[in-house]
Amino acid sequence: MTIFFIDTNILWWYFVKNSKYHKSVKKFLDPLILDTENSFIVNEFVMIEFPFFYICNILILAVY
């Protein structure tokens, strides 16, 4: 089981269709959200702006 700690802000970006980063963030999150073995727990994280998209710095990634 893989546990991802993700803040709700990243989900907000996921659903903002007018954002120019929407497609990149959606592409990043889709595999995680669609994988039923993943558990999402809200935690704090940092959004780092890159020239092409926003990426989240996941603080804790526990892989079992």
PDB file of N, CA and C in Angstrom:
ATOM      1  N   MET A   1       0.845  -1.189   0.000  1.00  0.00           N
ATOM      2  CA  MET A   1       0.000   0.000   0.000  1.00  0.00           C
ATOM      3  C   MET A   1       0.881   1.239   0.000  1.00  0.00           C
ATOM      4  N   THR A   2       0.528   2.216  -0.812  1.00  0.00           N
ATOM      5  CA  THR A   2       1.268   3.472  -0.875  1.00  0.00           C
ATOM      6  C   THR A   2       0.421   4.580  -0.279  1.00  0.00           C
ATOM      7  N   ILE A   3       1.006   5.350   0.617  1.00  0.00           N
ATOM      8  CA  ILE A   3       0.283   6.446   1.251  1.00  0.00           C
ATOM      9  C   ILE A   3       0.872   7.766   0.783  1.00  0.00           C
ATOM     10  N   PHE A   4       0.038   8.609   0.176  1.00  0.00           N
ATOM     11  CA  PHE A   4       0.460   9.933  -0.253  1.00  0.00           C
ATOM     12  C   PHE A   4      -0.176  10.968   0.654  1.00  0.00           C
ATOM     13  N   PHE A   5       0.624  11.903   1.116  1.00  0.00           N
ATOM     14  CA  PHE A   5       0.124  12.996   1.931  1.00  0.00           C
ATOM     15  C   PHE A   5      -0.015  14.212   1.023  1.00  0.00           C
ATOM     16  N   ILE A   6      -1.234  14.590   0.722  1.00  0.00           N
ATOM     17  CA  ILE A   6      -1.473  15.654  -0.248  1.00  0.00           C
ATOM     18  C   ILE A   6      -2.408  16.700   0.342  1.00  0.00           C
ATOM     19  N   ASP A   7      -2.044  17.946   0.173  1.00  0.00           N
ATOM     20  CA  ASP A   7      -2.868  19.051   0.649  1.00  0.00           C
ATOM     21  C   ASP A   7      -4.056  19.249  -0.283  1.00  0.00           C
ATOM     22  N   THR A   8      -5.145  19.803   0.254  1.00  0.00           N
ATOM     23  CA  THR A   8      -6.330  20.025  -0.576  1.00  0.00           C
ATOM     24  C   THR A   8      -6.085  21.075  -1.653  1.00  0.00           C
ATOM     25  N   ASN A   9      -5.070  21.909  -1.505  1.00  0.00           N
ATOM     26  CA  ASN A   9      -4.778  22.927  -2.518  1.00  0.00           C
ATOM     27  C   ASN A   9      -4.426  22.300  -3.861  1.00  0.00           C
ATOM     28  N   ILE A  10      -3.728  21.169  -3.832  1.00  0.00           N
ATOM     29  CA  ILE A  10      -3.364  20.533  -5.100  1.00  0.00           C
ATOM     30  C   ILE A  10      -4.621  20.018  -5.792  1.00  0.00           C
ATOM     31  N   LEU A  11      -5.611  19.585  -5.004  1.00  0.00           N
ATOM     32  CA  LEU A  11      -6.871  19.141  -5.594  1.00  0.00           C
ATOM     33  C   LEU A  11      -7.637  20.324  -6.160  1.00  0.00           C
ATOM     34  N   TRP A  12      -7.471  21.481  -5.525  1.00  0.00           N
ATOM     35  CA  TRP A  12      -8.104  22.686  -6.055  1.00  0.00           C
ATOM     36  C   TRP A  12      -7.544  22.980  -7.436  1.00  0.00           C
ATOM     37  N   TRP A  13      -6.239  22.923  -7.619  1.00  0.00           N
ATOM     38  CA  TRP A  13      -5.625  23.139  -8.934  1.00  0.00           C
ATOM     39  C   TRP A  13      -6.128  22.105  -9.936  1.00  0.00           C
ATOM     40  N   TYR A  14      -6.342  20.907  -9.450  1.00  0.00           N
ATOM     41  CA  TYR A  14      -6.797  19.822 -10.320  1.00  0.00           C
ATOM     42  C   TYR A  14      -8.133  20.160 -10.976  1.00  0.00           C
ATOM     43  N   PHE A  15      -9.006  20.833 -10.246  1.00  0.00           N
ATOM     44  CA  PHE A  15     -10.351  21.102 -10.748  1.00  0.00           C
ATOM     45  C   PHE A  15     -10.517  22.489 -11.364  1.00  0.00           C
ATOM     46  N   VAL A  16      -9.478  23.306 -11.354  1.00  0.00           N
ATOM     47  CA  VAL A  16      -9.581  24.642 -11.941  1.00  0.00           C
ATOM     48  C   VAL A  16      -9.312  24.539 -13.442  1.00  0.00           C
ATOM     49  N   LYS A  17     -10.363  24.512 -14.213  1.00  0.00           N
ATOM     50  CA  LYS A  17     -10.226  24.284 -15.654  1.00  0.00           C
ATOM     51  C   LYS A  17      -9.581  25.460 -16.372  1.00  0.00           C
ATOM     52  N   ASN A  18      -9.713  26.645 -15.821  1.00  0.00           N
ATOM     53  CA  ASN A  18      -9.161  27.826 -16.487  1.00  0.00           C
ATOM     54  C   ASN A  18      -7.679  28.027 -16.205  1.00  0.00           C
ATOM     55  N   SER A  19      -7.135  27.223 -15.314  1.00  0.00           N
ATOM     56  CA  SER A  19      -5.721  27.356 -14.990  1.00  0.00           C
ATOM     57  C   SER A  19      -4.874  26.841 -16.157  1.00  0.00           C
ATOM     58  N   LYS A  20      -3.827  27.577 -16.491  1.00  0.00           N
ATOM     59  CA  LYS A  20      -2.956  27.123 -17.582  1.00  0.00           C
ATOM     60  C   LYS A  20      -2.147  25.895 -17.170  1.00  0.00           C
ATOM     61  N   TYR A  21      -2.147  25.599 -15.858  1.00  0.00           N
ATOM     62  CA  TYR A  21      -1.426  24.427 -15.357  1.00  0.00           C
ATOM     63  C   TYR A  21      -2.354  23.237 -15.150  1.00  0.00           C
ATOM     64  N   HIS A  22      -3.629  23.404 -15.463  1.00  0.00           N
ATOM     65  CA  HIS A  22      -4.627  22.373 -15.166  1.00  0.00           C
ATOM     66  C   HIS A  22      -4.272  21.018 -15.771  1.00  0.00           C
ATOM     67  N   LYS A  23      -3.901  21.020 -17.051  1.00  0.00           N
ATOM     68  CA  LYS A  23      -3.624  19.751 -17.724  1.00  0.00           C
ATOM     69  C   LYS A  23      -2.414  19.043 -17.131  1.00  0.00           C
ATOM     70  N   SER A  24      -1.387  19.799 -16.792  1.00  0.00           N
ATOM     71  CA  SER A  24      -0.183  19.194 -16.216  1.00  0.00           C
ATOM     72  C   SER A  24      -0.462  18.593 -14.847  1.00  0.00           C
ATOM     73  N   VAL A  25      -1.206  19.339 -14.034  1.00  0.00           N
ATOM     74  CA  VAL A  25      -1.516  18.852 -12.689  1.00  0.00           C
ATOM     75  C   VAL A  25      -2.457  17.658 -12.776  1.00  0.00           C
ATOM     76  N   LYS A  26      -3.431  17.733 -13.674  1.00  0.00           N
ATOM     77  CA  LYS A  26      -4.370  16.618 -13.852  1.00  0.00           C
ATOM     78  C   LYS A  26      -3.628  15.361 -14.300  1.00  0.00           C
ATOM     79  N   LYS A  27      -2.686  15.532 -15.223  1.00  0.00           N
ATOM     80  CA  LYS A  27      -1.907  14.394 -15.707  1.00  0.00           C
ATOM     81  C   LYS A  27      -1.100  13.769 -14.575  1.00  0.00           C
ATOM     82  N   PHE A  28      -0.609  14.609 -13.663  1.00  0.00           N
ATOM     83  CA  PHE A  28       0.168  14.124 -12.522  1.00  0.00           C
ATOM     84  C   PHE A  28      -0.717  13.384 -11.520  1.00  0.00           C
ATOM     85  N   LEU A  29      -1.923  13.925 -11.272  1.00  0.00           N
ATOM     86  CA  LEU A  29      -2.786  13.365 -10.230  1.00  0.00           C
ATOM     87  C   LEU A  29      -3.630  12.184 -10.691  1.00  0.00           C
ATOM     88  N   ASP A  30      -3.983  12.131 -11.963  1.00  0.00           N
ATOM     89  CA  ASP A  30      -4.868  11.065 -12.448  1.00  0.00           C
ATOM     90  C   ASP A  30      -4.404   9.658 -12.062  1.00  0.00           C
ATOM     91  N   PRO A  31      -3.146   9.302 -12.304  1.00  0.00           N
ATOM     92  CA  PRO A  31      -2.713   7.949 -11.944  1.00  0.00           C
ATOM     93  C   PRO A  31      -2.820   7.679 -10.440  1.00  0.00           C
ATOM     94  N   LEU A  32      -2.607   8.710  -9.638  1.00  0.00           N
ATOM     95  CA  LEU A  32      -2.687   8.525  -8.189  1.00  0.00           C
ATOM     96  C   LEU A  32      -4.127   8.347  -7.740  1.00  0.00           C
ATOM     97  N   ILE A  33      -5.014   9.182  -8.285  1.00  0.00           N
ATOM     98  CA  ILE A  33      -6.414   9.141  -7.875  1.00  0.00           C
ATOM     99  C   ILE A  33      -7.091   7.874  -8.384  1.00  0.00           C
ATOM    100  N   LEU A  34      -6.740   7.443  -9.581  1.00  0.00           N
ATOM    101  CA  LEU A  34      -7.391   6.279 -10.174  1.00  0.00           C
ATOM    102  C   LEU A  34      -6.872   4.962  -9.610  1.00  0.00           C
ATOM    103  N   ASP A  35      -5.731   4.995  -8.932  1.00  0.00           N
ATOM    104  CA  ASP A  35      -5.171   3.793  -8.319  1.00  0.00           C
ATOM    105  C   ASP A  35      -5.871   3.554  -6.987  1.00  0.00           C
ATOM    106  N   THR A  36      -6.701   2.530  -6.926  1.00  0.00           N
ATOM    107  CA  THR A  36      -7.508   2.291  -5.725  1.00  0.00           C
ATOM    108  C   THR A  36      -6.681   1.839  -4.532  1.00  0.00           C
ATOM    109  N   GLU A  37      -5.427   1.502  -4.764  1.00  0.00           N
ATOM    110  CA  GLU A  37      -4.584   1.079  -3.649  1.00  0.00           C
ATOM    111  C   GLU A  37      -3.964   2.272  -2.931  1.00  0.00           C
ATOM    112  N   ASN A  38      -4.125   3.446  -3.498  1.00  0.00           N
ATOM    113  CA  ASN A  38      -3.565   4.646  -2.877  1.00  0.00           C
ATOM    114  C   ASN A  38      -4.539   5.224  -1.869  1.00  0.00           C
ATOM    115  N   SER A  39      -4.005   5.665  -0.755  1.00  0.00           N
ATOM    116  CA  SER A  39      -4.808   6.343   0.259  1.00  0.00           C
ATOM    117  C   SER A  39      -4.327   7.782   0.344  1.00  0.00           C
ATOM    118  N   PHE A  40      -5.269   8.706   0.321  1.00  0.00           N
ATOM    119  CA  PHE A  40      -4.915  10.110   0.365  1.00  0.00           C
ATOM    120  C   PHE A  40      -5.206  10.685   1.741  1.00  0.00           C
ATOM    121  N   ILE A  41      -4.214  11.265   2.350  1.00  0.00           N
ATOM    122  CA  ILE A  41      -4.351  11.877   3.661  1.00  0.00           C
ATOM    123  C   ILE A  41      -3.945  13.338   3.535  1.00  0.00           C
ATOM    124  N   VAL A  42      -4.807  14.239   4.004  1.00  0.00           N
ATOM    125  CA  VAL A  42      -4.523  15.667   3.881  1.00  0.00           C
ATOM    126  C   VAL A  42      -3.392  16.055   4.819  1.00  0.00           C
ATOM    127  N   ASN A  43      -2.416  16.726   4.297  1.00  0.00           N
ATOM    128  CA  ASN A  43      -1.297  17.205   5.092  1.00  0.00           C
ATOM    129  C   ASN A  43      -0.769  18.464   4.411  1.00  0.00           C
ATOM    130  N   GLU A  44       0.183  19.111   5.050  1.00  0.00           N
ATOM    131  CA  GLU A  44       0.756  20.320   4.473  1.00  0.00           C
ATOM    132  C   GLU A  44       1.828  19.956   3.454  1.00  0.00           C
ATOM    133  N   PHE A  45       1.905  20.727   2.427  1.00  0.00           N
ATOM    134  CA  PHE A  45       2.971  20.556   1.464  1.00  0.00           C
ATOM    135  C   PHE A  45       3.265  21.900   0.814  1.00  0.00           C
ATOM    136  N   VAL A  46       4.313  21.949   0.038  1.00  0.00           N
ATOM    137  CA  VAL A  46       4.739  23.198  -0.575  1.00  0.00           C
ATOM    138  C   VAL A  46       4.549  23.113  -2.085  1.00  0.00           C
ATOM    139  N   MET A  47       3.926  24.137  -2.639  1.00  0.00           N
ATOM    140  CA  MET A  47       3.789  24.212  -4.089  1.00  0.00           C
ATOM    141  C   MET A  47       5.010  24.953  -4.632  1.00  0.00           C
ATOM    142  N   ILE A  48       5.705  24.328  -5.533  1.00  0.00           N
ATOM    143  CA  ILE A  48       6.890  24.940  -6.128  1.00  0.00           C
ATOM    144  C   ILE A  48       6.573  25.265  -7.590  1.00  0.00           C
ATOM    145  N   GLU A  49       6.771  26.496  -7.958  1.00  0.00           N
ATOM    146  CA  GLU A  49       6.450  26.896  -9.329  1.00  0.00           C
ATOM    147  C   GLU A  49       7.622  26.614 -10.261  1.00  0.00           C
ATOM    148  N   PHE A  50       7.349  25.892 -11.312  1.00  0.00           N
ATOM    149  CA  PHE A  50       8.319  25.638 -12.355  1.00  0.00           C
ATOM    150  C   PHE A  50       7.823  26.323 -13.629  1.00  0.00           C
ATOM    151  N   PRO A  51       8.679  26.482 -14.603  1.00  0.00           N
ATOM    152  CA  PRO A  51       8.262  27.168 -15.832  1.00  0.00           C
ATOM    153  C   PRO A  51       7.059  26.511 -16.512  1.00  0.00           C
ATOM    154  N   PHE A  52       6.904  25.215 -16.387  1.00  0.00           N
ATOM    155  CA  PHE A  52       5.863  24.530 -17.151  1.00  0.00           C
ATOM    156  C   PHE A  52       4.664  24.093 -16.320  1.00  0.00           C
ATOM    157  N   PHE A  53       4.846  23.886 -15.056  1.00  0.00           N
ATOM    158  CA  PHE A  53       3.716  23.438 -14.241  1.00  0.00           C
ATOM    159  C   PHE A  53       4.045  23.567 -12.763  1.00  0.00           C
ATOM    160  N   TYR A  54       3.011  23.413 -11.949  1.00  0.00           N
ATOM    161  CA  TYR A  54       3.201  23.379 -10.504  1.00  0.00           C
ATOM    162  C   TYR A  54       3.351  21.928 -10.073  1.00  0.00           C
ATOM    163  N   ILE A  55       4.283  21.703  -9.179  1.00  0.00           N
ATOM    164  CA  ILE A  55       4.472  20.345  -8.677  1.00  0.00           C
ATOM    165  C   ILE A  55       4.462  20.404  -7.156  1.00  0.00           C
ATOM    166  N   CYS A  56       3.904  19.412  -6.563  1.00  0.00           N
ATOM    167  CA  CYS A  56       3.845  19.434  -5.107  1.00  0.00           C
ATOM    168  C   CYS A  56       5.046  18.709  -4.528  1.00  0.00           C
ATOM    169  N   ASN A  57       5.552  19.258  -3.471  1.00  0.00           N
ATOM    170  CA  ASN A  57       6.642  18.635  -2.747  1.00  0.00           C
ATOM    171  C   ASN A  57       6.009  17.793  -1.646  1.00  0.00           C
ATOM    172  N   ILE A  58       5.874  16.517  -1.886  1.00  0.00           N
ATOM    173  CA  ILE A  58       5.222  15.634  -0.925  1.00  0.00           C
ATOM    174  C   ILE A  58       6.165  15.417   0.258  1.00  0.00           C
ATOM    175  N   LEU A  59       5.685  15.787   1.435  1.00  0.00           N
ATOM    176  CA  LEU A  59       6.521  15.725   2.624  1.00  0.00           C
ATOM    177  C   LEU A  59       6.795  14.292   3.058  1.00  0.00           C
ATOM    178  N   ILE A  60       5.781  13.472   2.996  1.00  0.00           N
ATOM    179  CA  ILE A  60       5.960  12.106   3.474  1.00  0.00           C
ATOM    180  C   ILE A  60       5.415  11.133   2.435  1.00  0.00           C
ATOM    181  N   LEU A  61       6.232  10.207   2.026  1.00  0.00           N
ATOM    182  CA  LEU A  61       5.795   9.183   1.086  1.00  0.00           C
ATOM    183  C   LEU A  61       6.183   7.829   1.678  1.00  0.00           C
ATOM    184  N   ALA A  62       5.205   7.128   2.188  1.00  0.00           N
ATOM    185  CA  ALA A  62       5.479   5.843   2.818  1.00  0.00           C
ATOM    186  C   ALA A  62       5.062   4.722   1.878  1.00  0.00           C
ATOM    187  N   VAL A  63       5.986   3.879   1.545  1.00  0.00           N
ATOM    188  CA  VAL A  63       5.698   2.764   0.650  1.00  0.00           C
ATOM    189  C   VAL A  63       5.838   1.463   1.433  1.00  0.00           C
ATOM    190  N   TYR A  64       4.787   0.693   1.421  1.00  0.00           N
ATOM    191  CA  TYR A  64       4.806  -0.589   2.133  1.00  0.00           C
ATOM    192  C   TYR A  64       4.847  -1.724   1.126  1.00  0.00           C
TER     193      TYR A  64
END
